[in-house]
Amino acid sequence: MPMTPREMINHLKKNGFKVVGQNGSHVKMRNDITGHQTVVPYHSASLKKGLEQAILKQAGLK
């Protein structure tokens, strides 16, 4: 089952990411230790599988 945006943000926070900004409905997150940065769209619907995988890849968690 795909993650919701809130679940994705919590997952990233548990892995050392922090919120560095928000532009509209998109939350920018960064890990200062690894230097990885990613953007999570914060909408009401669940993330699609491809987008979920792309965010995890950008974050270096896949």
C-alpha atoms as a PDB file:
ATOM      1  CA  MET A   1       0.000   0.000   0.000  1.00  0.00           C
ATOM      2  CA  PRO A   2       1.423   3.404  -0.972  1.00  0.00           C
ATOM      3  CA  MET A   3       2.438   5.888   1.699  1.00  0.00           C
ATOM      4  CA  THR A   4       0.601   9.107   2.371  1.00  0.00           C
ATOM      5  CA  PRO A   5       2.651  12.321   2.236  1.00  0.00           C
ATOM      6  CA  ARG A   6       2.555  12.562   6.046  1.00  0.00           C
ATOM      7  CA  GLU A   7       3.913   8.991   6.392  1.00  0.00           C
ATOM      8  CA  MET A   8       6.682   9.771   3.880  1.00  0.00           C
ATOM      9  CA  ILE A   9       7.712  12.921   5.779  1.00  0.00           C
ATOM     10  CA  ASN A  10       7.778  11.002   9.072  1.00  0.00           C
ATOM     11  CA  HIS A  11       9.843   8.230   7.449  1.00  0.00           C
ATOM     12  CA  LEU A  12      12.350  10.765   6.141  1.00  0.00           C
ATOM     13  CA  LYS A  13      12.551  12.495   9.546  1.00  0.00           C
ATOM     14  CA  LYS A  14      13.354   9.149  11.196  1.00  0.00           C
ATOM     15  CA  ASN A  15      16.229   8.802   8.724  1.00  0.00           C
ATOM     16  CA  GLY A  16      17.838  12.144   9.563  1.00  0.00           C
ATOM     17  CA  PHE A  17      15.992  14.533   7.247  1.00  0.00           C
ATOM     18  CA  LYS A  18      14.563  17.850   8.358  1.00  0.00           C
ATOM     19  CA  VAL A  19      12.142  20.268   6.742  1.00  0.00           C
ATOM     20  CA  VAL A  20      14.009  23.218   5.237  1.00  0.00           C
ATOM     21  CA  GLY A  21      11.092  24.923   3.524  1.00  0.00           C
ATOM     22  CA  GLN A  22       7.689  24.676   1.971  1.00  0.00           C
ATOM     23  CA  ASN A  23       6.510  26.218  -1.267  1.00  0.00           C
ATOM     24  CA  GLY A  24       2.759  25.840  -1.603  1.00  0.00           C
ATOM     25  CA  SER A  25       1.929  22.166  -1.236  1.00  0.00           C
ATOM     26  CA  HIS A  26       5.490  20.867  -1.608  1.00  0.00           C
ATOM     27  CA  VAL A  27       7.774  20.258   1.364  1.00  0.00           C
ATOM     28  CA  LYS A  28      11.540  20.458   0.808  1.00  0.00           C
ATOM     29  CA  MET A  29      13.593  18.159   3.055  1.00  0.00           C
ATOM     30  CA  ARG A  30      17.342  17.844   3.530  1.00  0.00           C
ATOM     31  CA  ASN A  31      19.750  15.551   5.352  1.00  0.00           C
ATOM     32  CA  ASP A  32      22.750  17.629   6.479  1.00  0.00           C
ATOM     33  CA  ILE A  33      24.928  14.556   7.091  1.00  0.00           C
ATOM     34  CA  THR A  34      24.551  12.960   3.657  1.00  0.00           C
ATOM     35  CA  GLY A  35      23.696  16.113   1.709  1.00  0.00           C
ATOM     36  CA  HIS A  36      20.671  14.456   0.077  1.00  0.00           C
ATOM     37  CA  GLN A  37      17.690  16.674  -0.647  1.00  0.00           C
ATOM     38  CA  THR A  38      14.199  15.802  -1.845  1.00  0.00           C
ATOM     39  CA  VAL A  39      10.762  17.360  -2.279  1.00  0.00           C
ATOM     40  CA  VAL A  40       7.560  15.696  -1.053  1.00  0.00           C
ATOM     41  CA  PRO A  41       4.248  16.848  -2.558  1.00  0.00           C
ATOM     42  CA  TYR A  42       1.886  17.382   0.376  1.00  0.00           C
ATOM     43  CA  HIS A  43      -1.555  16.623  -1.069  1.00  0.00           C
ATOM     44  CA  SER A  44      -4.470  14.708   0.437  1.00  0.00           C
ATOM     45  CA  ALA A  45      -4.083  11.637  -1.782  1.00  0.00           C
ATOM     46  CA  SER A  46      -1.576   8.815  -1.327  1.00  0.00           C
ATOM     47  CA  LEU A  47       1.665   8.977  -3.266  1.00  0.00           C
ATOM     48  CA  LYS A  48       1.788   6.901  -6.432  1.00  0.00           C
ATOM     49  CA  LYS A  49       4.225   3.999  -6.389  1.00  0.00           C
ATOM     50  CA  GLY A  50       6.644   5.527  -8.903  1.00  0.00           C
ATOM     51  CA  LEU A  51       6.776   8.861  -7.073  1.00  0.00           C
ATOM     52  CA  GLU A  52       7.266   7.107  -3.741  1.00  0.00           C
ATOM     53  CA  GLN A  53      10.198   5.148  -5.154  1.00  0.00           C
ATOM     54  CA  ALA A  54      11.701   8.275  -6.757  1.00  0.00           C
ATOM     55  CA  ILE A  55      11.589  10.190  -3.449  1.00  0.00           C
ATOM     56  CA  LEU A  56      13.264   7.305  -1.611  1.00  0.00           C
ATOM     57  CA  LYS A  57      15.937   7.090  -4.338  1.00  0.00           C
ATOM     58  CA  GLN A  58      16.641  10.841  -4.159  1.00  0.00           C
ATOM     59  CA  ALA A  59      16.897  10.516  -0.379  1.00  0.00           C
ATOM     60  CA  GLY A  60      19.420   7.692  -0.733  1.00  0.00           C
ATOM     61  CA  LEU A  61      17.166   5.252   1.127  1.00  0.00           C
ATOM     62  CA  LYS A  62      16.728   2.813  -1.748  1.00  0.00           C
END
